[in-house]
């Protein structure tokens, strides 16, 4: 059974610029972009990633193990 996980991918250098723009660390950005965090800060990071830094939302296919 396949499921889909959301993720935002960034162009080269985008994560570093996003870290500086949002004044957060690398872990906060990666957790937000992989939807492991859903706080208000994570929502702002995802929004800015797409709107200002060229991030693209994708659905990655994951094989579910039962």
C-alpha atoms as a PDB file:
ATOM      1  CA  UNK A   1       0.000   0.000   0.000  1.00  0.00           C
ATOM      2  CA  UNK A   2       1.463   3.328  -1.025  1.00  0.00           C
ATOM      3  CA  UNK A   3       0.982   6.508   0.923  1.00  0.00           C
ATOM      4  CA  UNK A   4       2.215  10.010   0.211  1.00  0.00           C
ATOM      5  CA  UNK A   5       4.197  12.326   2.447  1.00  0.00           C
ATOM      6  CA  UNK A   6       4.340  16.060   1.826  1.00  0.00           C
ATOM      7  CA  UNK A   7       7.705  17.771   1.589  1.00  0.00           C
ATOM      8  CA  UNK A   8       9.090  21.076   0.348  1.00  0.00           C
ATOM      9  CA  UNK A   9      12.292  20.956  -1.672  1.00  0.00           C
ATOM     10  CA  UNK A  10      14.552  23.976  -1.930  1.00  0.00           C
ATOM     11  CA  UNK A  11      17.022  25.083  -4.605  1.00  0.00           C
ATOM     12  CA  UNK A  12      20.730  25.058  -3.787  1.00  0.00           C
ATOM     13  CA  UNK A  13      21.515  27.578  -1.048  1.00  0.00           C
ATOM     14  CA  UNK A  14      17.851  28.139  -0.260  1.00  0.00           C
ATOM     15  CA  UNK A  15      17.938  26.532   3.182  1.00  0.00           C
ATOM     16  CA  UNK A  16      20.795  28.753   4.329  1.00  0.00           C
ATOM     17  CA  UNK A  17      19.038  31.905   3.100  1.00  0.00           C
ATOM     18  CA  UNK A  18      15.800  30.765   4.746  1.00  0.00           C
ATOM     19  CA  UNK A  19      17.635  30.182   8.039  1.00  0.00           C
ATOM     20  CA  UNK A  20      18.981  33.722   7.976  1.00  0.00           C
ATOM     21  CA  UNK A  21      15.690  35.312   6.895  1.00  0.00           C
ATOM     22  CA  UNK A  22      13.677  33.540   9.614  1.00  0.00           C
ATOM     23  CA  UNK A  23      16.414  33.717  12.290  1.00  0.00           C
ATOM     24  CA  UNK A  24      16.190  29.990  12.992  1.00  0.00           C
ATOM     25  CA  UNK A  25      18.585  27.070  12.983  1.00  0.00           C
ATOM     26  CA  UNK A  26      19.047  24.367  10.401  1.00  0.00           C
ATOM     27  CA  UNK A  27      17.023  21.798  12.361  1.00  0.00           C
ATOM     28  CA  UNK A  28      13.991  24.110  12.518  1.00  0.00           C
ATOM     29  CA  UNK A  29      14.067  24.619   8.744  1.00  0.00           C
ATOM     30  CA  UNK A  30      14.484  20.932   7.911  1.00  0.00           C
ATOM     31  CA  UNK A  31      11.739  19.894  10.348  1.00  0.00           C
ATOM     32  CA  UNK A  32       9.383  22.499   8.911  1.00  0.00           C
ATOM     33  CA  UNK A  33      10.115  21.595   5.277  1.00  0.00           C
ATOM     34  CA  UNK A  34       9.562  17.892   5.940  1.00  0.00           C
ATOM     35  CA  UNK A  35       6.339  18.606   7.892  1.00  0.00           C
ATOM     36  CA  UNK A  36       7.748  17.014  11.052  1.00  0.00           C
ATOM     37  CA  UNK A  37       6.843  20.231  12.853  1.00  0.00           C
ATOM     38  CA  UNK A  38       3.541  22.060  12.536  1.00  0.00           C
ATOM     39  CA  UNK A  39       4.005  25.030  14.869  1.00  0.00           C
ATOM     40  CA  UNK A  40       3.228  28.607  13.849  1.00  0.00           C
ATOM     41  CA  UNK A  41       6.943  29.138  13.228  1.00  0.00           C
ATOM     42  CA  UNK A  42       7.072  26.060  10.971  1.00  0.00           C
ATOM     43  CA  UNK A  43       4.067  27.316   9.011  1.00  0.00           C
ATOM     44  CA  UNK A  44       5.802  30.675   8.488  1.00  0.00           C
ATOM     45  CA  UNK A  45       8.999  28.924   7.364  1.00  0.00           C
ATOM     46  CA  UNK A  46       7.084  26.821   4.807  1.00  0.00           C
ATOM     47  CA  UNK A  47       5.169  29.838   3.550  1.00  0.00           C
ATOM     48  CA  UNK A  48       8.327  31.910   3.060  1.00  0.00           C
ATOM     49  CA  UNK A  49      10.155  28.972   1.496  1.00  0.00           C
ATOM     50  CA  UNK A  50       7.540  28.753  -1.250  1.00  0.00           C
ATOM     51  CA  UNK A  51       6.783  32.465  -1.689  1.00  0.00           C
ATOM     52  CA  UNK A  52      10.271  33.976  -1.442  1.00  0.00           C
ATOM     53  CA  UNK A  53      12.934  31.306  -1.882  1.00  0.00           C
ATOM     54  CA  UNK A  54      11.770  29.094  -4.741  1.00  0.00           C
ATOM     55  CA  UNK A  55      10.633  26.110  -2.695  1.00  0.00           C
ATOM     56  CA  UNK A  56       8.413  23.539  -4.391  1.00  0.00           C
ATOM     57  CA  UNK A  57       5.859  21.377  -2.591  1.00  0.00           C
ATOM     58  CA  UNK A  58       6.010  17.714  -3.582  1.00  0.00           C
ATOM     59  CA  UNK A  59       4.327  14.504  -2.527  1.00  0.00           C
ATOM     60  CA  UNK A  60       6.791  11.673  -2.133  1.00  0.00           C
ATOM     61  CA  UNK A  61       5.527   8.140  -2.419  1.00  0.00           C
ATOM     62  CA  UNK A  62       6.170   5.900   0.571  1.00  0.00           C
ATOM     63  CA  UNK A  63       5.589   2.158   0.662  1.00  0.00           C
ATOM     64  CA  UNK A  64       3.662   1.350   3.838  1.00  0.00           C
ATOM     65  CA  UNK A  65       4.835  -1.695   5.758  1.00  0.00           C
ATOM     66  CA  UNK A  66       2.079  -3.637   7.462  1.00  0.00           C
END
